[in-house]
Amino acid sequence: MKISEIFLSIQGESSYAGTPCIFVRLSGCNLNCGWCDTMYANTDEKSRELTVEAVIAEVKGYKCQTVEITGGEPLLQAASLTLAKSLLELGYTVMVETNGSVSLEGLDERVIKVVDVKCPSSGQAGSFLVDNLEYITPSDELKFVIGGRADYDFAKNFLVEYVKGKTDKILFAPVKPGMEPKDLAEWILGDSLNVRLQLQIHSYIWNGTRGR
């Protein structure tokens, strides 16, 4: 596996926000989002090549039972499926954060999937595989990163047209910097949307420091 970094931090996003989490960040990505905050993981430069067993050994070095496999785009590497299943068998709670453009087929059904749906401001709208909705369960989460009103309207329409109750764990995250959380909150309240306003807690604590 090509690994960008493995570290312990506070989960900044998802329904697990605010809780300790071990992050296994794989390197390499097939998209180029305009507001990406981990560009250093989008290529294999400075990555380490580790076996699944070596990754698990590093994970075991932290006193935490929640692991997120992220990227880059983790599902570009087939070994991420093996890693997720192995960690589950060891008793870890396992999350996989993916950009939604790679098939979720083959992921262990016990994995908590946090799946991005790219909005227009990302420059990657249309990259989401609609077939991935077949693999979304009530324990999984869909994330929309919102950069303005056009993104918000896109996300609203997507929920109506495609999601249709597959999960009620819907995350609306304002682009930071660029989108005022207060404005997004007002839109959500004005439309009575049943979604979670998500701020990147880790970025407020450590101001974007790598490995935190």
N, C-alpha and C. Protein backbone atom coordinates (compact mmCIF):
# COMPACT_ATOMS: atom_id res chain seq x y z
N MET A 1 0.84 -1.19 0.00
CA MET A 1 0.00 0.00 0.00
C MET A 1 0.88 1.24 0.00
N LYS A 2 0.45 2.28 -0.70
CA LYS A 2 1.16 3.55 -0.70
C LYS A 2 0.51 4.46 0.34
N ILE A 3 1.26 4.75 1.38
CA ILE A 3 0.73 5.45 2.55
C ILE A 3 1.34 6.84 2.66
N SER A 4 0.49 7.84 2.76
CA SER A 4 0.96 9.21 2.97
C SER A 4 1.31 9.46 4.43
N GLU A 5 0.43 9.01 5.34
CA GLU A 5 0.67 9.23 6.77
C GLU A 5 -0.29 8.39 7.60
N ILE A 6 0.14 8.09 8.81
CA ILE A 6 -0.68 7.41 9.82
C ILE A 6 -0.52 8.20 11.10
N PHE A 7 -1.64 8.64 11.69
CA PHE A 7 -1.53 9.49 12.87
C PHE A 7 -2.81 9.41 13.71
N LEU A 8 -2.69 9.83 14.95
CA LEU A 8 -3.83 9.92 15.87
C LEU A 8 -4.26 11.37 15.99
N SER A 9 -5.55 11.61 15.88
CA SER A 9 -6.06 12.97 16.00
C SER A 9 -7.49 12.93 16.53
N ILE A 10 -8.10 14.09 16.56
CA ILE A 10 -9.52 14.22 16.84
C ILE A 10 -10.26 14.17 15.51
N GLN A 11 -11.26 13.31 15.43
CA GLN A 11 -12.07 13.26 14.21
C GLN A 11 -12.74 14.60 14.02
N GLY A 12 -12.47 15.24 12.88
CA GLY A 12 -12.99 16.58 12.65
C GLY A 12 -14.30 16.62 11.90
N GLU A 13 -14.67 15.49 11.28
CA GLU A 13 -15.85 15.48 10.43
C GLU A 13 -16.69 14.23 10.73
N SER A 14 -17.83 14.15 10.08
CA SER A 14 -18.75 13.02 10.20
C SER A 14 -19.50 13.05 11.53
N SER A 15 -20.33 12.03 11.74
CA SER A 15 -21.07 11.92 13.00
C SER A 15 -20.16 11.59 14.17
N TYR A 16 -18.92 11.22 13.88
CA TYR A 16 -17.94 10.91 14.92
C TYR A 16 -17.10 12.13 15.29
N ALA A 17 -17.45 13.29 14.79
CA ALA A 17 -16.67 14.51 15.04
C ALA A 17 -16.48 14.74 16.53
N GLY A 18 -15.25 15.08 16.89
CA GLY A 18 -14.93 15.37 18.28
C GLY A 18 -14.35 14.20 19.04
N THR A 19 -14.33 13.01 18.43
CA THR A 19 -13.84 11.82 19.12
C THR A 19 -12.45 11.44 18.59
N PRO A 20 -11.62 10.78 19.42
CA PRO A 20 -10.30 10.34 18.96
C PRO A 20 -10.41 9.33 17.81
N CYS A 21 -9.47 9.40 16.90
CA CYS A 21 -9.49 8.53 15.73
C CYS A 21 -8.08 8.38 15.17
N ILE A 22 -7.74 7.17 14.74
CA ILE A 22 -6.49 6.92 14.03
C ILE A 22 -6.77 7.07 12.54
N PHE A 23 -5.96 7.89 11.87
CA PHE A 23 -6.13 8.11 10.45
C PHE A 23 -5.05 7.38 9.67
N VAL A 24 -5.47 6.60 8.71
CA VAL A 24 -4.56 5.96 7.76
C VAL A 24 -4.83 6.63 6.41
N ARG A 25 -3.90 7.53 6.02
CA ARG A 25 -4.11 8.30 4.79
C ARG A 25 -3.31 7.67 3.65
N LEU A 26 -4.04 7.15 2.66
CA LEU A 26 -3.40 6.59 1.49
C LEU A 26 -3.09 7.70 0.49
N SER A 27 -2.07 7.51 -0.32
CA SER A 27 -1.69 8.53 -1.30
C SER A 27 -2.24 8.18 -2.68
N GLY A 28 -2.45 9.22 -3.47
CA GLY A 28 -2.98 9.05 -4.82
C GLY A 28 -4.45 9.38 -4.90
N CYS A 29 -4.82 10.18 -5.90
CA CYS A 29 -6.23 10.55 -6.08
C CYS A 29 -6.52 10.69 -7.57
N ASN A 30 -7.73 10.37 -7.96
CA ASN A 30 -8.14 10.46 -9.36
C ASN A 30 -8.88 11.75 -9.67
N LEU A 31 -9.12 12.58 -8.65
CA LEU A 31 -9.79 13.86 -8.85
C LEU A 31 -8.87 15.01 -8.48
N ASN A 32 -9.29 16.21 -8.85
CA ASN A 32 -8.50 17.41 -8.54
C ASN A 32 -9.45 18.52 -8.10
N CYS A 33 -9.95 18.38 -6.88
CA CYS A 33 -10.94 19.33 -6.36
C CYS A 33 -10.31 20.69 -6.08
N GLY A 34 -11.03 21.74 -6.44
CA GLY A 34 -10.49 23.09 -6.31
C GLY A 34 -10.21 23.50 -4.88
N TRP A 35 -10.92 22.92 -3.90
CA TRP A 35 -10.74 23.33 -2.51
C TRP A 35 -10.10 22.24 -1.67
N CYS A 36 -9.43 21.25 -2.30
CA CYS A 36 -8.81 20.14 -1.57
C CYS A 36 -7.84 20.66 -0.51
N ASP A 37 -7.94 20.10 0.71
CA ASP A 37 -7.07 20.54 1.80
C ASP A 37 -5.98 19.52 2.13
N THR A 38 -5.85 18.49 1.29
CA THR A 38 -4.77 17.51 1.48
C THR A 38 -4.09 17.22 0.15
N MET A 39 -3.72 18.27 -0.55
CA MET A 39 -3.10 18.11 -1.86
C MET A 39 -1.83 17.27 -1.79
N TYR A 40 -1.14 17.31 -0.66
CA TYR A 40 0.10 16.55 -0.52
C TYR A 40 -0.13 15.04 -0.64
N ALA A 41 -1.37 14.60 -0.46
CA ALA A 41 -1.68 13.17 -0.55
C ALA A 41 -2.20 12.76 -1.93
N ASN A 42 -2.28 13.70 -2.85
CA ASN A 42 -2.87 13.40 -4.15
C ASN A 42 -1.92 12.71 -5.11
N THR A 43 -0.63 12.68 -4.76
CA THR A 43 0.35 11.97 -5.57
C THR A 43 1.11 10.99 -4.68
N ASP A 44 1.90 10.15 -5.31
CA ASP A 44 2.68 9.17 -4.56
C ASP A 44 4.00 9.72 -4.04
N GLU A 45 4.27 11.00 -4.34
CA GLU A 45 5.51 11.59 -3.86
C GLU A 45 5.57 11.53 -2.33
N LYS A 46 6.72 11.13 -1.82
CA LYS A 46 6.99 11.07 -0.38
C LYS A 46 6.10 10.08 0.35
N SER A 47 5.44 9.18 -0.39
CA SER A 47 4.64 8.17 0.28
C SER A 47 5.52 7.00 0.68
N ARG A 48 5.04 6.21 1.64
CA ARG A 48 5.73 4.99 2.05
C ARG A 48 4.98 3.80 1.49
N GLU A 49 5.73 2.77 1.09
CA GLU A 49 5.09 1.55 0.63
C GLU A 49 5.12 0.55 1.76
N LEU A 50 3.93 0.20 2.27
CA LEU A 50 3.79 -0.69 3.41
C LEU A 50 2.85 -1.84 3.09
N THR A 51 3.08 -2.96 3.71
CA THR A 51 2.13 -4.06 3.62
C THR A 51 0.94 -3.76 4.53
N VAL A 52 -0.14 -4.48 4.31
CA VAL A 52 -1.30 -4.35 5.19
C VAL A 52 -0.89 -4.66 6.63
N GLU A 53 -0.05 -5.67 6.80
CA GLU A 53 0.39 -6.07 8.14
C GLU A 53 1.19 -4.96 8.81
N ALA A 54 2.02 -4.27 8.03
CA ALA A 54 2.82 -3.17 8.59
C ALA A 54 1.94 -1.99 8.99
N VAL A 55 0.91 -1.72 8.20
CA VAL A 55 -0.03 -0.65 8.54
C VAL A 55 -0.74 -0.98 9.85
N ILE A 56 -1.20 -2.21 9.97
CA ILE A 56 -1.91 -2.62 11.19
C ILE A 56 -0.98 -2.53 12.40
N ALA A 57 0.28 -2.87 12.22
CA ALA A 57 1.24 -2.77 13.33
C ALA A 57 1.36 -1.34 13.82
N GLU A 58 1.37 -0.37 12.90
CA GLU A 58 1.43 1.04 13.31
C GLU A 58 0.13 1.46 13.99
N VAL A 59 -0.99 1.02 13.46
CA VAL A 59 -2.28 1.35 14.07
C VAL A 59 -2.33 0.84 15.51
N LYS A 60 -1.82 -0.35 15.73
CA LYS A 60 -1.83 -0.93 17.08
C LYS A 60 -0.98 -0.13 18.07
N GLY A 61 -0.12 0.72 17.56
CA GLY A 61 0.71 1.53 18.44
C GLY A 61 -0.03 2.67 19.11
N TYR A 62 -1.25 2.92 18.68
CA TYR A 62 -2.07 3.98 19.28
C TYR A 62 -3.17 3.37 20.14
N LYS A 63 -3.49 4.03 21.23
CA LYS A 63 -4.54 3.55 22.13
C LYS A 63 -5.88 4.17 21.71
N CYS A 64 -6.44 3.61 20.67
CA CYS A 64 -7.70 4.10 20.12
C CYS A 64 -8.32 2.97 19.31
N GLN A 65 -9.63 2.86 19.34
CA GLN A 65 -10.31 1.75 18.67
C GLN A 65 -11.11 2.18 17.43
N THR A 66 -10.94 3.43 17.01
CA THR A 66 -11.60 3.90 15.80
C THR A 66 -10.54 4.26 14.77
N VAL A 67 -10.71 3.76 13.55
CA VAL A 67 -9.76 4.01 12.47
C VAL A 67 -10.51 4.54 11.26
N GLU A 68 -9.97 5.60 10.66
CA GLU A 68 -10.51 6.07 9.38
C GLU A 68 -9.45 5.86 8.30
N ILE A 69 -9.84 5.17 7.23
CA ILE A 69 -9.00 5.01 6.05
C ILE A 69 -9.42 6.08 5.05
N THR A 70 -8.48 6.94 4.69
CA THR A 70 -8.82 8.11 3.89
C THR A 70 -7.73 8.34 2.84
N GLY A 71 -7.71 9.49 2.22
CA GLY A 71 -6.73 9.76 1.18
C GLY A 71 -6.51 11.25 1.00
N GLY A 72 -6.10 11.67 -0.21
CA GLY A 72 -6.21 10.91 -1.45
C GLY A 72 -7.56 10.23 -1.63
N GLU A 73 -7.52 9.19 -2.45
CA GLU A 73 -8.70 8.35 -2.64
C GLU A 73 -8.32 6.91 -2.30
N PRO A 74 -8.72 6.43 -1.12
CA PRO A 74 -8.25 5.13 -0.65
C PRO A 74 -8.69 3.96 -1.51
N LEU A 75 -9.86 4.05 -2.15
CA LEU A 75 -10.38 2.89 -2.88
C LEU A 75 -9.69 2.68 -4.23
N LEU A 76 -8.76 3.56 -4.59
CA LEU A 76 -7.94 3.31 -5.77
C LEU A 76 -6.96 2.17 -5.51
N GLN A 77 -6.70 1.89 -4.24
CA GLN A 77 -5.79 0.81 -3.87
C GLN A 77 -6.61 -0.38 -3.36
N ALA A 78 -6.55 -1.47 -4.09
CA ALA A 78 -7.37 -2.64 -3.75
C ALA A 78 -7.10 -3.15 -2.34
N ALA A 79 -5.86 -2.96 -1.86
CA ALA A 79 -5.51 -3.45 -0.53
C ALA A 79 -6.27 -2.73 0.57
N SER A 80 -6.90 -1.58 0.26
CA SER A 80 -7.69 -0.88 1.28
C SER A 80 -8.87 -1.72 1.74
N LEU A 81 -9.41 -2.56 0.85
CA LEU A 81 -10.52 -3.46 1.23
C LEU A 81 -10.03 -4.50 2.23
N THR A 82 -8.84 -5.03 1.98
CA THR A 82 -8.25 -6.01 2.89
C THR A 82 -7.93 -5.38 4.23
N LEU A 83 -7.38 -4.17 4.19
CA LEU A 83 -7.04 -3.46 5.43
C LEU A 83 -8.29 -3.22 6.27
N ALA A 84 -9.35 -2.75 5.63
CA ALA A 84 -10.59 -2.47 6.36
C ALA A 84 -11.13 -3.74 7.03
N LYS A 85 -11.18 -4.83 6.28
CA LYS A 85 -11.70 -6.08 6.84
C LYS A 85 -10.82 -6.59 7.97
N SER A 86 -9.50 -6.49 7.81
CA SER A 86 -8.59 -6.97 8.84
C SER A 86 -8.75 -6.18 10.13
N LEU A 87 -8.91 -4.87 10.01
CA LEU A 87 -9.10 -4.03 11.20
C LEU A 87 -10.43 -4.34 11.88
N LEU A 88 -11.47 -4.57 11.10
CA LEU A 88 -12.75 -4.96 11.67
C LEU A 88 -12.63 -6.26 12.46
N GLU A 89 -11.92 -7.22 11.90
CA GLU A 89 -11.75 -8.51 12.58
C GLU A 89 -10.98 -8.36 13.88
N LEU A 90 -10.18 -7.31 13.99
CA LEU A 90 -9.43 -7.06 15.22
C LEU A 90 -10.24 -6.25 16.24
N GLY A 91 -11.47 -5.91 15.88
CA GLY A 91 -12.35 -5.22 16.82
C GLY A 91 -12.41 -3.72 16.69
N TYR A 92 -11.76 -3.16 15.66
CA TYR A 92 -11.80 -1.72 15.47
C TYR A 92 -13.11 -1.29 14.81
N THR A 93 -13.55 -0.08 15.12
CA THR A 93 -14.58 0.59 14.33
C THR A 93 -13.86 1.20 13.14
N VAL A 94 -14.31 0.89 11.93
CA VAL A 94 -13.59 1.31 10.73
C VAL A 94 -14.47 2.20 9.86
N MET A 95 -13.93 3.36 9.52
CA MET A 95 -14.57 4.28 8.59
C MET A 95 -13.71 4.37 7.34
N VAL A 96 -14.35 4.51 6.20
CA VAL A 96 -13.64 4.76 4.95
C VAL A 96 -14.22 6.03 4.34
N GLU A 97 -13.37 7.03 4.15
CA GLU A 97 -13.82 8.27 3.50
C GLU A 97 -13.37 8.24 2.04
N THR A 98 -14.34 8.38 1.14
CA THR A 98 -14.08 8.23 -0.29
C THR A 98 -14.75 9.35 -1.07
N ASN A 99 -14.20 9.66 -2.24
CA ASN A 99 -14.72 10.80 -3.00
C ASN A 99 -15.95 10.46 -3.84
N GLY A 100 -16.42 9.22 -3.79
CA GLY A 100 -17.66 8.85 -4.46
C GLY A 100 -17.54 8.49 -5.92
N SER A 101 -16.32 8.61 -6.47
CA SER A 101 -16.13 8.34 -7.90
C SER A 101 -15.62 6.93 -8.17
N VAL A 102 -15.35 6.18 -7.11
CA VAL A 102 -14.83 4.81 -7.22
C VAL A 102 -15.86 3.87 -6.60
N SER A 103 -16.05 2.73 -7.21
CA SER A 103 -17.09 1.81 -6.75
C SER A 103 -16.86 1.37 -5.30
N LEU A 104 -17.96 1.29 -4.56
CA LEU A 104 -17.94 0.82 -3.18
C LEU A 104 -18.09 -0.70 -3.11
N GLU A 105 -18.25 -1.35 -4.23
CA GLU A 105 -18.43 -2.79 -4.26
C GLU A 105 -17.21 -3.48 -3.65
N GLY A 106 -17.46 -4.44 -2.80
CA GLY A 106 -16.39 -5.20 -2.18
C GLY A 106 -16.01 -4.74 -0.79
N LEU A 107 -16.43 -3.52 -0.40
CA LEU A 107 -16.17 -3.06 0.96
C LEU A 107 -16.99 -3.88 1.95
N ASP A 108 -16.36 -4.32 3.02
CA ASP A 108 -17.08 -5.04 4.07
C ASP A 108 -18.29 -4.23 4.52
N GLU A 109 -19.42 -4.90 4.65
CA GLU A 109 -20.67 -4.20 4.99
C GLU A 109 -20.63 -3.57 6.37
N ARG A 110 -19.66 -3.97 7.20
CA ARG A 110 -19.54 -3.37 8.54
C ARG A 110 -18.81 -2.03 8.52
N VAL A 111 -18.16 -1.71 7.43
CA VAL A 111 -17.46 -0.43 7.31
C VAL A 111 -18.46 0.71 7.31
N ILE A 112 -18.14 1.78 8.02
CA ILE A 112 -18.93 3.01 7.96
C ILE A 112 -18.37 3.84 6.82
N LYS A 113 -19.16 4.01 5.77
CA LYS A 113 -18.70 4.72 4.59
C LYS A 113 -19.09 6.20 4.69
N VAL A 114 -18.11 7.07 4.51
CA VAL A 114 -18.35 8.51 4.43
C VAL A 114 -18.04 8.92 3.00
N VAL A 115 -19.09 9.18 2.23
CA VAL A 115 -18.96 9.29 0.78
C VAL A 115 -19.25 10.72 0.34
N ASP A 116 -18.28 11.32 -0.33
CA ASP A 116 -18.46 12.67 -0.87
C ASP A 116 -19.33 12.64 -2.12
N VAL A 117 -20.15 13.66 -2.24
CA VAL A 117 -20.82 13.96 -3.51
C VAL A 117 -20.30 15.33 -3.92
N LYS A 118 -19.53 15.39 -4.99
CA LYS A 118 -18.86 16.63 -5.37
C LYS A 118 -19.85 17.64 -5.95
N CYS A 119 -19.80 18.84 -5.38
CA CYS A 119 -20.65 19.94 -5.84
C CYS A 119 -19.93 20.75 -6.92
N PRO A 120 -20.65 21.65 -7.61
CA PRO A 120 -20.04 22.38 -8.73
C PRO A 120 -18.77 23.13 -8.39
N SER A 121 -18.66 23.74 -7.21
CA SER A 121 -17.48 24.55 -6.91
C SER A 121 -16.20 23.73 -6.80
N SER A 122 -16.34 22.42 -6.66
CA SER A 122 -15.16 21.56 -6.58
C SER A 122 -14.48 21.41 -7.93
N GLY A 123 -15.23 21.68 -9.00
CA GLY A 123 -14.72 21.44 -10.33
C GLY A 123 -14.86 19.99 -10.76
N GLN A 124 -15.47 19.17 -9.90
CA GLN A 124 -15.58 17.73 -10.17
C GLN A 124 -17.03 17.25 -10.10
N ALA A 125 -17.97 18.16 -10.29
CA ALA A 125 -19.38 17.76 -10.30
C ALA A 125 -19.61 16.74 -11.40
N GLY A 126 -20.41 15.74 -11.11
CA GLY A 126 -20.67 14.68 -12.07
C GLY A 126 -19.78 13.47 -11.90
N SER A 127 -18.81 13.55 -10.96
CA SER A 127 -17.89 12.43 -10.76
C SER A 127 -18.50 11.32 -9.89
N PHE A 128 -19.57 11.61 -9.18
CA PHE A 128 -20.18 10.63 -8.29
C PHE A 128 -20.79 9.48 -9.08
N LEU A 129 -20.48 8.25 -8.68
CA LEU A 129 -21.08 7.07 -9.28
C LEU A 129 -22.44 6.82 -8.64
N VAL A 130 -23.50 7.06 -9.37
CA VAL A 130 -24.84 6.90 -8.82
C VAL A 130 -25.07 5.46 -8.37
N ASP A 131 -24.42 4.50 -9.04
CA ASP A 131 -24.56 3.10 -8.63
C ASP A 131 -24.07 2.86 -7.20
N ASN A 132 -23.22 3.75 -6.69
CA ASN A 132 -22.73 3.60 -5.32
C ASN A 132 -23.84 3.69 -4.29
N LEU A 133 -24.96 4.32 -4.67
CA LEU A 133 -26.07 4.44 -3.74
C LEU A 133 -26.65 3.07 -3.38
N GLU A 134 -26.40 2.07 -4.22
CA GLU A 134 -26.86 0.72 -3.91
C GLU A 134 -26.17 0.15 -2.67
N TYR A 135 -24.99 0.69 -2.36
CA TYR A 135 -24.20 0.17 -1.24
C TYR A 135 -24.32 1.03 0.01
N ILE A 136 -25.12 2.08 -0.04
CA ILE A 136 -25.29 2.97 1.11
C ILE A 136 -26.33 2.38 2.05
N THR A 137 -25.97 2.29 3.33
CA THR A 137 -26.87 1.78 4.36
C THR A 137 -27.16 2.90 5.36
N PRO A 138 -28.10 2.69 6.28
CA PRO A 138 -28.42 3.74 7.26
C PRO A 138 -27.24 4.14 8.15
N SER A 139 -26.22 3.30 8.25
CA SER A 139 -25.06 3.65 9.08
C SER A 139 -24.02 4.47 8.31
N ASP A 140 -24.20 4.61 7.00
CA ASP A 140 -23.25 5.35 6.18
C ASP A 140 -23.63 6.83 6.10
N GLU A 141 -22.68 7.63 5.61
CA GLU A 141 -22.87 9.08 5.58
C GLU A 141 -22.53 9.63 4.20
N LEU A 142 -23.31 10.61 3.76
CA LEU A 142 -23.05 11.32 2.52
C LEU A 142 -22.65 12.75 2.85
N LYS A 143 -21.56 13.21 2.23
CA LYS A 143 -21.03 14.54 2.55
C LYS A 143 -21.04 15.43 1.31
N PHE A 144 -21.52 16.65 1.50
CA PHE A 144 -21.50 17.67 0.46
C PHE A 144 -20.68 18.85 0.98
N VAL A 145 -19.63 19.20 0.27
CA VAL A 145 -18.83 20.38 0.63
C VAL A 145 -19.40 21.56 -0.15
N ILE A 146 -19.88 22.55 0.59
CA ILE A 146 -20.67 23.65 0.02
C ILE A 146 -19.82 24.91 -0.08
N GLY A 147 -19.71 25.45 -1.31
CA GLY A 147 -18.93 26.67 -1.52
C GLY A 147 -19.79 27.89 -1.81
N GLY A 148 -21.09 27.72 -1.93
CA GLY A 148 -21.97 28.84 -2.23
C GLY A 148 -23.37 28.35 -2.50
N ARG A 149 -24.24 29.27 -2.89
CA ARG A 149 -25.65 28.93 -3.07
C ARG A 149 -25.86 27.89 -4.16
N ALA A 150 -25.09 27.95 -5.24
CA ALA A 150 -25.25 26.96 -6.31
C ALA A 150 -24.96 25.56 -5.80
N ASP A 151 -23.92 25.42 -4.96
CA ASP A 151 -23.60 24.12 -4.37
C ASP A 151 -24.72 23.65 -3.46
N TYR A 152 -25.25 24.56 -2.67
CA TYR A 152 -26.33 24.22 -1.74
C TYR A 152 -27.55 23.72 -2.50
N ASP A 153 -27.93 24.43 -3.56
CA ASP A 153 -29.09 24.01 -4.34
C ASP A 153 -28.83 22.67 -5.02
N PHE A 154 -27.61 22.48 -5.51
CA PHE A 154 -27.24 21.19 -6.10
C PHE A 154 -27.42 20.06 -5.10
N ALA A 155 -26.92 20.27 -3.88
CA ALA A 155 -27.01 19.24 -2.84
C ALA A 155 -28.47 18.95 -2.47
N LYS A 156 -29.26 19.99 -2.33
CA LYS A 156 -30.68 19.80 -2.02
C LYS A 156 -31.37 18.95 -3.08
N ASN A 157 -31.12 19.28 -4.35
CA ASN A 157 -31.75 18.55 -5.43
C ASN A 157 -31.27 17.10 -5.49
N PHE A 158 -29.99 16.89 -5.18
CA PHE A 158 -29.44 15.53 -5.19
C PHE A 158 -30.15 14.68 -4.14
N LEU A 159 -30.38 15.25 -2.97
CA LEU A 159 -31.05 14.51 -1.90
C LEU A 159 -32.45 14.08 -2.33
N VAL A 160 -33.16 14.98 -2.98
CA VAL A 160 -34.53 14.68 -3.40
C VAL A 160 -34.53 13.63 -4.52
N GLU A 161 -33.61 13.78 -5.47
CA GLU A 161 -33.63 12.93 -6.66
C GLU A 161 -33.04 11.55 -6.43
N TYR A 162 -32.01 11.47 -5.58
CA TYR A 162 -31.26 10.22 -5.51
C TYR A 162 -31.26 9.53 -4.14
N VAL A 163 -31.16 10.29 -3.06
CA VAL A 163 -30.91 9.66 -1.76
C VAL A 163 -32.14 8.95 -1.24
N LYS A 164 -33.25 9.65 -1.20
CA LYS A 164 -34.56 9.04 -0.92
C LYS A 164 -34.56 8.09 0.28
N GLY A 165 -33.98 8.59 1.39
CA GLY A 165 -34.08 7.85 2.64
C GLY A 165 -33.10 6.72 2.84
N LYS A 166 -32.14 6.55 1.92
CA LYS A 166 -31.16 5.48 2.11
C LYS A 166 -30.36 5.67 3.39
N THR A 167 -30.10 6.91 3.76
CA THR A 167 -29.48 7.25 5.03
C THR A 167 -29.94 8.64 5.44
N ASP A 168 -30.05 8.87 6.74
CA ASP A 168 -30.37 10.22 7.19
C ASP A 168 -29.13 10.92 7.74
N LYS A 169 -27.97 10.32 7.51
CA LYS A 169 -26.71 10.92 7.95
C LYS A 169 -26.13 11.71 6.78
N ILE A 170 -26.62 12.94 6.65
CA ILE A 170 -26.24 13.83 5.56
C ILE A 170 -25.45 15.00 6.12
N LEU A 171 -24.27 15.23 5.57
CA LEU A 171 -23.37 16.25 6.08
C LEU A 171 -23.23 17.38 5.07
N PHE A 172 -23.46 18.61 5.52
CA PHE A 172 -23.22 19.80 4.69
C PHE A 172 -22.05 20.56 5.33
N ALA A 173 -20.94 20.62 4.61
CA ALA A 173 -19.73 21.24 5.15
C ALA A 173 -19.37 22.49 4.36
N PRO A 174 -19.26 23.65 5.01
CA PRO A 174 -18.86 24.86 4.29
C PRO A 174 -17.38 24.82 3.91
N VAL A 175 -17.07 25.23 2.70
CA VAL A 175 -15.68 25.35 2.28
C VAL A 175 -14.97 26.32 3.21
N LYS A 176 -13.79 25.93 3.68
CA LYS A 176 -13.01 26.78 4.59
C LYS A 176 -11.63 27.02 4.00
N PRO A 177 -11.28 28.28 3.74
CA PRO A 177 -12.10 29.49 3.84
C PRO A 177 -12.94 29.68 2.57
N GLY A 178 -13.92 30.55 2.67
CA GLY A 178 -14.70 30.88 1.49
C GLY A 178 -16.20 30.88 1.70
N MET A 179 -16.70 29.98 2.53
CA MET A 179 -18.14 29.89 2.77
C MET A 179 -18.40 30.16 4.24
N GLU A 180 -19.17 31.17 4.53
CA GLU A 180 -19.49 31.49 5.92
C GLU A 180 -20.42 30.43 6.51
N PRO A 181 -20.02 29.78 7.60
CA PRO A 181 -20.89 28.78 8.21
C PRO A 181 -22.26 29.35 8.58
N LYS A 182 -22.28 30.62 8.99
CA LYS A 182 -23.56 31.23 9.37
C LYS A 182 -24.53 31.26 8.21
N ASP A 183 -24.04 31.58 7.02
CA ASP A 183 -24.92 31.62 5.84
C ASP A 183 -25.48 30.23 5.54
N LEU A 184 -24.61 29.23 5.59
CA LEU A 184 -25.07 27.87 5.34
C LEU A 184 -26.08 27.44 6.39
N ALA A 185 -25.84 27.79 7.63
CA ALA A 185 -26.78 27.47 8.70
C ALA A 185 -28.14 28.11 8.44
N GLU A 186 -28.14 29.35 7.99
CA GLU A 186 -29.41 30.04 7.72
C GLU A 186 -30.18 29.37 6.59
N TRP A 187 -29.46 28.93 5.55
CA TRP A 187 -30.13 28.25 4.44
C TRP A 187 -30.75 26.94 4.91
N ILE A 188 -30.00 26.19 5.71
CA ILE A 188 -30.50 24.91 6.22
C ILE A 188 -31.75 25.12 7.07
N LEU A 189 -31.69 26.10 7.96
CA LEU A 189 -32.84 26.38 8.82
C LEU A 189 -34.02 26.89 8.01
N GLY A 190 -33.74 27.74 7.02
CA GLY A 190 -34.81 28.30 6.21
C GLY A 190 -35.57 27.25 5.43
N ASP A 191 -34.87 26.19 5.04
CA ASP A 191 -35.49 25.11 4.27
C ASP A 191 -35.87 23.92 5.13
N SER A 192 -35.63 24.01 6.43
CA SER A 192 -35.94 22.91 7.36
C SER A 192 -35.34 21.59 6.90
N LEU A 193 -34.09 21.65 6.45
CA LEU A 193 -33.42 20.43 5.98
C LEU A 193 -32.96 19.59 7.15
N ASN A 194 -33.15 18.29 7.04
CA ASN A 194 -32.69 17.37 8.07
C ASN A 194 -31.27 16.91 7.73
N VAL A 195 -30.31 17.85 7.86
CA VAL A 195 -28.90 17.57 7.58
C VAL A 195 -28.06 18.08 8.74
N ARG A 196 -26.81 17.61 8.79
CA ARG A 196 -25.89 18.05 9.83
C ARG A 196 -24.93 19.09 9.25
N LEU A 197 -24.90 20.30 9.86
CA LEU A 197 -23.89 21.29 9.50
C LEU A 197 -22.57 20.84 10.10
N GLN A 198 -21.57 20.65 9.26
CA GLN A 198 -20.31 20.07 9.69
C GLN A 198 -19.17 21.06 9.53
N LEU A 199 -18.55 21.40 10.62
CA LEU A 199 -17.33 22.22 10.59
C LEU A 199 -16.14 21.31 10.82
N GLN A 200 -15.02 21.60 10.21
CA GLN A 200 -13.82 20.78 10.37
C GLN A 200 -13.16 21.11 11.70
N ILE A 201 -13.53 20.37 12.73
CA ILE A 201 -13.05 20.67 14.08
C ILE A 201 -11.54 20.70 14.15
N HIS A 202 -10.88 19.74 13.50
CA HIS A 202 -9.42 19.67 13.57
C HIS A 202 -8.76 20.92 13.01
N SER A 203 -9.38 21.54 12.00
CA SER A 203 -8.77 22.74 11.40
C SER A 203 -8.88 23.94 12.32
N TYR A 204 -9.89 23.94 13.19
CA TYR A 204 -10.02 25.03 14.16
C TYR A 204 -9.07 24.83 15.34
N ILE A 205 -8.79 23.58 15.65
CA ILE A 205 -7.88 23.30 16.76
C ILE A 205 -6.43 23.51 16.37
N TRP A 206 -6.05 22.95 15.21
CA TRP A 206 -4.63 22.94 14.81
C TRP A 206 -4.33 23.76 13.56
N ASN A 207 -5.35 24.45 13.03
CA ASN A 207 -5.16 25.38 11.91
C ASN A 207 -4.51 24.70 10.70
N GLY A 208 -4.95 23.49 10.41
CA GLY A 208 -4.48 22.82 9.19
C GLY A 208 -3.12 22.18 9.28
N THR A 209 -2.57 22.03 10.48
CA THR A 209 -1.26 21.38 10.63
C THR A 209 -1.32 19.94 10.15
N ARG A 210 -0.40 19.55 9.30
CA ARG A 210 -0.38 18.19 8.77
C ARG A 210 -0.15 17.18 9.91
N GLY A 211 -0.88 16.07 9.82
CA GLY A 211 -0.72 15.03 10.84
C GLY A 211 -1.48 15.30 12.12
N ARG A 212 -2.38 16.28 12.10
CA ARG A 212 -3.22 16.59 13.26
C ARG A 212 -4.68 16.63 12.83
